[in-house]
Amino acid sequence: LDAELLAGFVQRLGTVDLDEPRICGRLVDAGARAVK
């Protein structure tokens, strides 16, 4: 699960919208979705 969490986080680094708030939260959310 931890590996999926990191993979989702790192993948989202390349696409996350930097003009929207909660940048870190949205990166972690992407990792959590990968785990789910």
PDB file of all heavy atoms in Angstrom:
ATOM      1  N   LEU A   1       0.831  -1.205   0.000  1.00  0.00           N
ATOM      2  CA  LEU A   1       0.000   0.000   0.000  1.00  0.00           C
ATOM      3  C   LEU A   1       0.865   1.254   0.000  1.00  0.00           C
ATOM      4  O   LEU A   1       0.558   2.238  -0.686  1.00  0.00           O
ATOM      5  CB  LEU A   1      -0.922   0.003   1.224  1.00  0.00           C
ATOM      6  CG  LEU A   1      -1.905  -1.159   1.364  1.00  0.00           C
ATOM      7  CD1 LEU A   1      -2.814  -0.929   2.558  1.00  0.00           C
ATOM      8  CD2 LEU A   1      -2.724  -1.339   0.094  1.00  0.00           C
ATOM      9  N   ASP A   2       1.948   1.233   0.781  1.00  0.00           N
ATOM     10  CA  ASP A   2       2.839   2.393   0.831  1.00  0.00           C
ATOM     11  C   ASP A   2       3.462   2.667  -0.534  1.00  0.00           C
ATOM     12  O   ASP A   2       3.624   3.824  -0.937  1.00  0.00           O
ATOM     13  CB  ASP A   2       3.946   2.167   1.864  1.00  0.00           C
ATOM     14  CG  ASP A   2       3.411   2.119   3.289  1.00  0.00           C
ATOM     15  OD1 ASP A   2       2.241   2.495   3.494  1.00  0.00           O
ATOM     16  OD2 ASP A   2       4.171   1.707   4.188  1.00  0.00           O
ATOM     17  N   ALA A   3       3.805   1.608  -1.247  1.00  0.00           N
ATOM     18  CA  ALA A   3       4.376   1.780  -2.582  1.00  0.00           C
ATOM     19  C   ALA A   3       3.367   2.417  -3.526  1.00  0.00           C
ATOM     20  O   ALA A   3       3.712   3.296  -4.335  1.00  0.00           O
ATOM     21  CB  ALA A   3       4.848   0.430  -3.128  1.00  0.00           C
ATOM     22  N   GLU A   4       2.103   1.994  -3.442  1.00  0.00           N
ATOM     23  CA  GLU A   4       1.058   2.597  -4.270  1.00  0.00           C
ATOM     24  C   GLU A   4       0.858   4.062  -3.896  1.00  0.00           C
ATOM     25  O   GLU A   4       0.653   4.925  -4.770  1.00  0.00           O
ATOM     26  CB  GLU A   4      -0.259   1.837  -4.089  1.00  0.00           C
ATOM     27  CG  GLU A   4      -0.240   0.408  -4.598  1.00  0.00           C
ATOM     28  CD  GLU A   4      -0.277   0.339  -6.123  1.00  0.00           C
ATOM     29  OE1 GLU A   4      -0.499   1.381  -6.774  1.00  0.00           O
ATOM     30  OE2 GLU A   4      -0.089  -0.771  -6.658  1.00  0.00           O
ATOM     31  N   LEU A   5       0.919   4.357  -2.603  1.00  0.00           N
ATOM     32  CA  LEU A   5       0.755   5.737  -2.128  1.00  0.00           C
ATOM     33  C   LEU A   5       1.835   6.640  -2.715  1.00  0.00           C
ATOM     34  O   LEU A   5       1.552   7.726  -3.236  1.00  0.00           O
ATOM     35  CB  LEU A   5       0.814   5.756  -0.603  1.00  0.00           C
ATOM     36  CG  LEU A   5       0.653   7.112   0.094  1.00  0.00           C
ATOM     37  CD1 LEU A   5      -0.749   7.663  -0.101  1.00  0.00           C
ATOM     38  CD2 LEU A   5       0.954   6.971   1.593  1.00  0.00           C
ATOM     39  N   LEU A   6       3.083   6.186  -2.656  1.00  0.00           N
ATOM     40  CA  LEU A   6       4.181   6.973  -3.202  1.00  0.00           C
ATOM     41  C   LEU A   6       4.081   7.107  -4.719  1.00  0.00           C
ATOM     42  O   LEU A   6       4.337   8.188  -5.276  1.00  0.00           O
ATOM     43  CB  LEU A   6       5.524   6.333  -2.824  1.00  0.00           C
ATOM     44  CG  LEU A   6       5.959   6.480  -1.369  1.00  0.00           C
ATOM     45  CD1 LEU A   6       7.245   5.704  -1.127  1.00  0.00           C
ATOM     46  CD2 LEU A   6       6.159   7.949  -1.010  1.00  0.00           C
ATOM     47  N   ALA A   7       3.701   6.028  -5.382  1.00  0.00           N
ATOM     48  CA  ALA A   7       3.594   6.072  -6.843  1.00  0.00           C
ATOM     49  C   ALA A   7       2.528   7.066  -7.283  1.00  0.00           C
ATOM     50  O   ALA A   7       2.736   7.846  -8.231  1.00  0.00           O
ATOM     51  CB  ALA A   7       3.286   4.679  -7.388  1.00  0.00           C
ATOM     52  N   GLY A   8       1.390   7.056  -6.595  1.00  0.00           N
ATOM     53  CA  GLY A   8       0.328   8.003  -6.939  1.00  0.00           C
ATOM     54  C   GLY A   8       0.736   9.437  -6.679  1.00  0.00           C
ATOM     55  O   GLY A   8       0.434  10.337  -7.466  1.00  0.00           O
ATOM     56  N   PHE A   9       1.439   9.653  -5.568  1.00  0.00           N
ATOM     57  CA  PHE A   9       1.934  10.996  -5.223  1.00  0.00           C
ATOM     58  C   PHE A   9       2.907  11.494  -6.287  1.00  0.00           C
ATOM     59  O   PHE A   9       2.772  12.615  -6.804  1.00  0.00           O
ATOM     60  CB  PHE A   9       2.604  10.943  -3.852  1.00  0.00           C
ATOM     61  CG  PHE A   9       3.173  12.249  -3.370  1.00  0.00           C
ATOM     62  CD1 PHE A   9       2.451  13.052  -2.505  1.00  0.00           C
ATOM     63  CD2 PHE A   9       4.436  12.665  -3.763  1.00  0.00           C
ATOM     64  CE1 PHE A   9       2.971  14.255  -2.048  1.00  0.00           C
ATOM     65  CE2 PHE A   9       4.970  13.863  -3.308  1.00  0.00           C
ATOM     66  CZ  PHE A   9       4.238  14.656  -2.448  1.00  0.00           C
ATOM     67  N   VAL A  10       3.889  10.674  -6.629  1.00  0.00           N
ATOM     68  CA  VAL A  10       4.928  11.096  -7.573  1.00  0.00           C
ATOM     69  C   VAL A  10       4.347  11.317  -8.967  1.00  0.00           C
ATOM     70  O   VAL A  10       4.708  12.282  -9.656  1.00  0.00           O
ATOM     71  CB  VAL A  10       6.061  10.051  -7.607  1.00  0.00           C
ATOM     72  CG1 VAL A  10       7.031  10.341  -8.748  1.00  0.00           C
ATOM     73  CG2 VAL A  10       6.805  10.044  -6.273  1.00  0.00           C
ATOM     74  N   GLN A  11       3.436  10.459  -9.384  1.00  0.00           N
ATOM     75  CA  GLN A  11       2.819  10.638 -10.697  1.00  0.00           C
ATOM     76  C   GLN A  11       2.064  11.956 -10.769  1.00  0.00           C
ATOM     77  O   GLN A  11       2.109  12.667 -11.779  1.00  0.00           O
ATOM     78  CB  GLN A  11       1.886   9.471 -10.998  1.00  0.00           C
ATOM     79  CG  GLN A  11       1.251   9.545 -12.379  1.00  0.00           C
ATOM     80  CD  GLN A  11       0.382   8.335 -12.670  1.00  0.00           C
ATOM     81  OE1 GLN A  11      -0.122   7.688 -11.761  1.00  0.00           O
ATOM     82  NE2 GLN A  11       0.214   8.019 -13.935  1.00  0.00           N
ATOM     83  N   ARG A  12       1.393  12.303  -9.683  1.00  0.00           N
ATOM     84  CA  ARG A  12       0.599  13.547  -9.667  1.00  0.00           C
ATOM     85  C   ARG A  12       1.489  14.786  -9.653  1.00  0.00           C
ATOM     86  O   ARG A  12       1.033  15.871 -10.069  1.00  0.00           O
ATOM     87  CB  ARG A  12      -0.309  13.540  -8.441  1.00  0.00           C
ATOM     88  CG  ARG A  12      -1.336  14.665  -8.436  1.00  0.00           C
ATOM     89  CD  ARG A  12      -2.422  14.420  -9.443  1.00  0.00           C
ATOM     90  NE  ARG A  12      -3.506  15.385  -9.275  1.00  0.00           N
ATOM     91  CZ  ARG A  12      -3.860  16.272 -10.196  1.00  0.00           C
ATOM     92  NH1 ARG A  12      -3.239  16.298 -11.351  1.00  0.00           N
ATOM     93  NH2 ARG A  12      -4.853  17.107  -9.966  1.00  0.00           N
ATOM     94  N   LEU A  13       2.729  14.656  -9.232  1.00  0.00           N
ATOM     95  CA  LEU A  13       3.644  15.803  -9.266  1.00  0.00           C
ATOM     96  C   LEU A  13       3.730  16.414 -10.658  1.00  0.00           C
ATOM     97  O   LEU A  13       3.892  17.630 -10.800  1.00  0.00           O
ATOM     98  CB  LEU A  13       5.052  15.377  -8.823  1.00  0.00           C
ATOM     99  CG  LEU A  13       5.364  15.321  -7.334  1.00  0.00           C
ATOM    100  CD1 LEU A  13       6.744  14.726  -7.121  1.00  0.00           C
ATOM    101  CD2 LEU A  13       5.272  16.704  -6.695  1.00  0.00           C
ATOM    102  N   GLY A  14       3.619  15.592 -11.672  1.00  0.00           N
ATOM    103  CA  GLY A  14       3.766  16.077 -13.032  1.00  0.00           C
ATOM    104  C   GLY A  14       2.546  16.768 -13.590  1.00  0.00           C
ATOM    105  O   GLY A  14       2.644  17.447 -14.619  1.00  0.00           O
ATOM    106  N   THR A  15       1.393  16.623 -12.935  1.00  0.00           N
ATOM    107  CA  THR A  15       0.154  17.145 -13.513  1.00  0.00           C
ATOM    108  C   THR A  15      -0.638  18.056 -12.594  1.00  0.00           C
ATOM    109  O   THR A  15      -1.583  18.703 -13.045  1.00  0.00           O
ATOM    110  CB  THR A  15      -0.761  15.982 -13.930  1.00  0.00           C
ATOM    111  OG1 THR A  15      -1.090  15.188 -12.774  1.00  0.00           O
ATOM    112  CG2 THR A  15      -0.089  15.104 -14.985  1.00  0.00           C
ATOM    113  N   VAL A  16      -0.296  18.126 -11.312  1.00  0.00           N
ATOM    114  CA  VAL A  16      -1.097  18.903 -10.372  1.00  0.00           C
ATOM    115  C   VAL A  16      -1.134  20.373 -10.793  1.00  0.00           C
ATOM    116  O   VAL A  16      -0.133  20.943 -11.227  1.00  0.00           O
ATOM    117  CB  VAL A  16      -0.553  18.747  -8.930  1.00  0.00           C
ATOM    118  CG1 VAL A  16       0.827  19.387  -8.777  1.00  0.00           C
ATOM    119  CG2 VAL A  16      -1.529  19.317  -7.918  1.00  0.00           C
ATOM    120  N   ASP A  17      -2.312  20.976 -10.685  1.00  0.00           N
ATOM    121  CA  ASP A  17      -2.514  22.380 -11.067  1.00  0.00           C
ATOM    122  C   ASP A  17      -1.951  23.276  -9.968  1.00  0.00           C
ATOM    123  O   ASP A  17      -2.439  23.274  -8.840  1.00  0.00           O
ATOM    124  CB  ASP A  17      -4.007  22.647 -11.264  1.00  0.00           C
ATOM    125  CG  ASP A  17      -4.292  24.023 -11.850  1.00  0.00           C
ATOM    126  OD1 ASP A  17      -3.378  24.885 -11.837  1.00  0.00           O
ATOM    127  OD2 ASP A  17      -5.418  24.242 -12.328  1.00  0.00           O
ATOM    128  N   LEU A  18      -0.939  24.066 -10.312  1.00  0.00           N
ATOM    129  CA  LEU A  18      -0.277  24.910  -9.323  1.00  0.00           C
ATOM    130  C   LEU A  18      -1.036  26.197  -9.041  1.00  0.00           C
ATOM    131  O   LEU A  18      -0.646  26.953  -8.145  1.00  0.00           O
ATOM    132  CB  LEU A  18       1.149  25.233  -9.787  1.00  0.00           C
ATOM    133  CG  LEU A  18       2.048  24.018 -10.013  1.00  0.00           C
ATOM    134  CD1 LEU A  18       3.450  24.470 -10.402  1.00  0.00           C
ATOM    135  CD2 LEU A  18       2.096  23.133  -8.779  1.00  0.00           C
ATOM    136  N   ASP A  19      -2.102  26.462  -9.781  1.00  0.00           N
ATOM    137  CA  ASP A  19      -2.903  27.664  -9.529  1.00  0.00           C
ATOM    138  C   ASP A  19      -4.055  27.392  -8.572  1.00  0.00           C
ATOM    139  O   ASP A  19      -4.744  28.328  -8.153  1.00  0.00           O
ATOM    140  CB  ASP A  19      -3.467  28.206 -10.853  1.00  0.00           C
ATOM    141  CG  ASP A  19      -2.370  28.736 -11.759  1.00  0.00           C
ATOM    142  OD1 ASP A  19      -1.384  29.278 -11.228  1.00  0.00           O
ATOM    143  OD2 ASP A  19      -2.489  28.587 -12.991  1.00  0.00           O
ATOM    144  N   GLU A  20      -4.276  26.133  -8.224  1.00  0.00           N
ATOM    145  CA  GLU A  20      -5.327  25.760  -7.283  1.00  0.00           C
ATOM    146  C   GLU A  20      -4.741  25.609  -5.883  1.00  0.00           C
ATOM    147  O   GLU A  20      -3.553  25.305  -5.729  1.00  0.00           O
ATOM    148  CB  GLU A  20      -5.982  24.449  -7.716  1.00  0.00           C
ATOM    149  CG  GLU A  20      -6.766  24.545  -9.014  1.00  0.00           C
ATOM    150  CD  GLU A  20      -8.006  25.398  -8.879  1.00  0.00           C
ATOM    151  OE1 GLU A  20      -8.634  25.373  -7.804  1.00  0.00           O
ATOM    152  OE2 GLU A  20      -8.348  26.112  -9.846  1.00  0.00           O
ATOM    153  N   PRO A  21      -5.557  25.826  -4.827  1.00  0.00           N
ATOM    154  CA  PRO A  21      -5.046  25.671  -3.454  1.00  0.00           C
ATOM    155  C   PRO A  21      -4.845  24.211  -3.084  1.00  0.00           C
ATOM    156  O   PRO A  21      -5.183  23.306  -3.848  1.00  0.00           O
ATOM    157  CB  PRO A  21      -6.146  26.312  -2.597  1.00  0.00           C
ATOM    158  CG  PRO A  21      -7.394  26.150  -3.425  1.00  0.00           C
ATOM    159  CD  PRO A  21      -6.953  26.271  -4.864  1.00  0.00           C
ATOM    160  N   ARG A  22      -4.270  23.989  -1.887  1.00  0.00           N
ATOM    161  CA  ARG A  22      -4.069  22.645  -1.336  1.00  0.00           C
ATOM    162  C   ARG A  22      -3.195  21.793  -2.248  1.00  0.00           C
ATOM    163  O   ARG A  22      -3.530  20.655  -2.553  1.00  0.00           O
ATOM    164  CB  ARG A  22      -5.393  21.916  -1.114  1.00  0.00           C
ATOM    165  CG  ARG A  22      -6.266  22.401  -0.002  1.00  0.00           C
ATOM    166  CD  ARG A  22      -7.449  21.475   0.214  1.00  0.00           C
ATOM    167  NE  ARG A  22      -7.002  20.141   0.571  1.00  0.00           N
ATOM    168  CZ  ARG A  22      -7.084  19.082  -0.243  1.00  0.00           C
ATOM    169  NH1 ARG A  22      -7.573  19.184  -1.456  1.00  0.00           N
ATOM    170  NH2 ARG A  22      -6.660  17.899   0.173  1.00  0.00           N
ATOM    171  N   ILE A  23      -2.072  22.314  -2.677  1.00  0.00           N
ATOM    172  CA  ILE A  23      -1.222  21.556  -3.592  1.00  0.00           C
ATOM    173  C   ILE A  23      -0.763  20.257  -2.933  1.00  0.00           C
ATOM    174  O   ILE A  23      -0.909  19.170  -3.492  1.00  0.00           O
ATOM    175  CB  ILE A  23      -0.021  22.406  -4.038  1.00  0.00           C
ATOM    176  CG1 ILE A  23      -0.507  23.580  -4.901  1.00  0.00           C
ATOM    177  CG2 ILE A  23       0.976  21.554  -4.830  1.00  0.00           C
ATOM    178  CD1 ILE A  23       0.579  24.562  -5.263  1.00  0.00           C
ATOM    179  N   CYS A  24      -0.211  20.350  -1.731  1.00  0.00           N
ATOM    180  CA  CYS A  24       0.262  19.145  -1.049  1.00  0.00           C
ATOM    181  C   CYS A  24      -0.894  18.195  -0.771  1.00  0.00           C
ATOM    182  O   CYS A  24      -0.784  16.982  -0.961  1.00  0.00           O
ATOM    183  CB  CYS A  24       0.985  19.520   0.241  1.00  0.00           C
ATOM    184  SG  CYS A  24       1.654  18.089   1.124  1.00  0.00           S
ATOM    185  N   GLY A  25      -2.020  18.736  -0.311  1.00  0.00           N
ATOM    186  CA  GLY A  25      -3.174  17.887  -0.020  1.00  0.00           C
ATOM    187  C   GLY A  25      -3.648  17.128  -1.239  1.00  0.00           C
ATOM    188  O   GLY A  25      -4.000  15.948  -1.149  1.00  0.00           O
ATOM    189  N   ARG A  26      -3.638  17.791  -2.410  1.00  0.00           N
ATOM    190  CA  ARG A  26      -4.082  17.121  -3.624  1.00  0.00           C
ATOM    191  C   ARG A  26      -3.081  16.070  -4.088  1.00  0.00           C
ATOM    192  O   ARG A  26      -3.451  15.057  -4.674  1.00  0.00           O
ATOM    193  CB  ARG A  26      -4.362  18.160  -4.714  1.00  0.00           C
ATOM    194  CG  ARG A  26      -5.672  18.914  -4.450  1.00  0.00           C
ATOM    195  CD  ARG A  26      -6.031  19.895  -5.548  1.00  0.00           C
ATOM    196  NE  ARG A  26      -5.182  21.070  -5.510  1.00  0.00           N
ATOM    197  CZ  ARG A  26      -4.434  21.499  -6.507  1.00  0.00           C
ATOM    198  NH1 ARG A  26      -4.385  20.818  -7.641  1.00  0.00           N
ATOM    199  NH2 ARG A  26      -3.726  22.607  -6.409  1.00  0.00           N
ATOM    200  N   LEU A  27      -1.801  16.293  -3.815  1.00  0.00           N
ATOM    201  CA  LEU A  27      -0.795  15.274  -4.131  1.00  0.00           C
ATOM    202  C   LEU A  27      -0.994  14.030  -3.262  1.00  0.00           C
ATOM    203  O   LEU A  27      -0.956  12.899  -3.747  1.00  0.00           O
ATOM    204  CB  LEU A  27       0.608  15.847  -3.927  1.00  0.00           C
ATOM    205  CG  LEU A  27       1.062  16.923  -4.916  1.00  0.00           C
ATOM    206  CD1 LEU A  27       2.349  17.578  -4.436  1.00  0.00           C
ATOM    207  CD2 LEU A  27       1.260  16.327  -6.303  1.00  0.00           C
ATOM    208  N   VAL A  28      -1.207  14.257  -1.965  1.00  0.00           N
ATOM    209  CA  VAL A  28      -1.442  13.126  -1.055  1.00  0.00           C
ATOM    210  C   VAL A  28      -2.757  12.429  -1.409  1.00  0.00           C
ATOM    211  O   VAL A  28      -2.858  11.198  -1.368  1.00  0.00           O
ATOM    212  CB  VAL A  28      -1.434  13.604   0.405  1.00  0.00           C
ATOM    213  CG1 VAL A  28      -1.800  12.456   1.351  1.00  0.00           C
ATOM    214  CG2 VAL A  28      -0.069  14.169   0.788  1.00  0.00           C
ATOM    215  N   ASP A  29      -3.772  13.224  -1.775  1.00  0.00           N
ATOM    216  CA  ASP A  29      -5.051  12.634  -2.191  1.00  0.00           C
ATOM    217  C   ASP A  29      -4.858  11.689  -3.369  1.00  0.00           C
ATOM    218  O   ASP A  29      -5.482  10.627  -3.443  1.00  0.00           O
ATOM    219  CB  ASP A  29      -6.032  13.742  -2.590  1.00  0.00           C
ATOM    220  CG  ASP A  29      -6.529  14.556  -1.408  1.00  0.00           C
ATOM    221  OD1 ASP A  29      -6.263  14.161  -0.266  1.00  0.00           O
ATOM    222  OD2 ASP A  29      -7.178  15.598  -1.633  1.00  0.00           O
ATOM    223  N   ALA A  30      -4.012  12.100  -4.318  1.00  0.00           N
ATOM    224  CA  ALA A  30      -3.761  11.249  -5.489  1.00  0.00           C
ATOM    225  C   ALA A  30      -3.126   9.929  -5.066  1.00  0.00           C
ATOM    226  O   ALA A  30      -3.470   8.858  -5.590  1.00  0.00           O
ATOM    227  CB  ALA A  30      -2.863  11.979  -6.483  1.00  0.00           C
ATOM    228  N   GLY A  31      -2.199   9.999  -4.115  1.00  0.00           N
ATOM    229  CA  GLY A  31      -1.606   8.772  -3.596  1.00  0.00           C
ATOM    230  C   GLY A  31      -2.640   7.891  -2.916  1.00  0.00           C
ATOM    231  O   GLY A  31      -2.644   6.666  -3.093  1.00  0.00           O
ATOM    232  N   ALA A  32      -3.534   8.512  -2.149  1.00  0.00           N
ATOM    233  CA  ALA A  32      -4.570   7.746  -1.460  1.00  0.00           C
ATOM    234  C   ALA A  32      -5.526   7.088  -2.452  1.00  0.00           C
ATOM    235  O   ALA A  32      -5.975   5.956  -2.240  1.00  0.00           O
ATOM    236  CB  ALA A  32      -5.340   8.659  -0.499  1.00  0.00           C
ATOM    237  N   ARG A  33      -5.849   7.791  -3.538  1.00  0.00           N
ATOM    238  CA  ARG A  33      -6.709   7.184  -4.551  1.00  0.00           C
ATOM    239  C   ARG A  33      -6.034   5.969  -5.187  1.00  0.00           C
ATOM    240  O   ARG A  33      -6.698   4.960  -5.471  1.00  0.00           O
ATOM    241  CB  ARG A  33      -7.085   8.212  -5.621  1.00  0.00           C
ATOM    242  CG  ARG A  33      -8.148   9.204  -5.177  1.00  0.00           C
ATOM    243  CD  ARG A  33      -8.679   9.989  -6.351  1.00  0.00           C
ATOM    244  NE  ARG A  33      -7.669  10.859  -6.940  1.00  0.00           N
ATOM    245  CZ  ARG A  33      -7.417  12.092  -6.526  1.00  0.00           C
ATOM    246  NH1 ARG A  33      -8.098  12.598  -5.501  1.00  0.00           N
ATOM    247  NH2 ARG A  33      -6.493  12.833  -7.111  1.00  0.00           N
ATOM    248  N   ALA A  34      -4.732   6.066  -5.396  1.00  0.00           N
ATOM    249  CA  ALA A  34      -4.000   4.924  -5.951  1.00  0.00           C
ATOM    250  C   ALA A  34      -4.074   3.727  -4.996  1.00  0.00           C
ATOM    251  O   ALA A  34      -4.227   2.577  -5.434  1.00  0.00           O
ATOM    252  CB  ALA A  34      -2.545   5.302  -6.221  1.00  0.00           C
ATOM    253  N   VAL A  35      -3.977   3.989  -3.701  1.00  0.00           N
ATOM    254  CA  VAL A  35      -4.079   2.907  -2.713  1.00  0.00           C
ATOM    255  C   VAL A  35      -5.474   2.306  -2.733  1.00  0.00           C
ATOM    256  O   VAL A  35      -5.645   1.083  -2.716  1.00  0.00           O
ATOM    257  CB  VAL A  35      -3.731   3.428  -1.308  1.00  0.00           C
ATOM    258  CG1 VAL A  35      -3.999   2.355  -0.258  1.00  0.00           C
ATOM    259  CG2 VAL A  35      -2.273   3.864  -1.244  1.00  0.00           C
ATOM    260  N   LYS A  36      -6.493   3.156  -2.768  1.00  0.00           N
ATOM    261  CA  LYS A  36      -7.868   2.648  -2.779  1.00  0.00           C
ATOM    262  C   LYS A  36      -8.117   1.772  -4.006  1.00  0.00           C
ATOM    263  O   LYS A  36      -8.756   0.724  -3.925  1.00  0.00           O
ATOM    264  CB  LYS A  36      -8.857   3.806  -2.755  1.00  0.00           C
ATOM    265  CG  LYS A  36     -10.308   3.329  -2.766  1.00  0.00           C
ATOM    266  CD  LYS A  36     -11.261   4.497  -2.773  1.00  0.00           C
ATOM    267  CE  LYS A  36     -12.695   3.995  -2.806  1.00  0.00           C
ATOM    268  NZ  LYS A  36     -13.018   3.223  -3.994  1.00  0.00           N
TER     269      LYS A  36
END
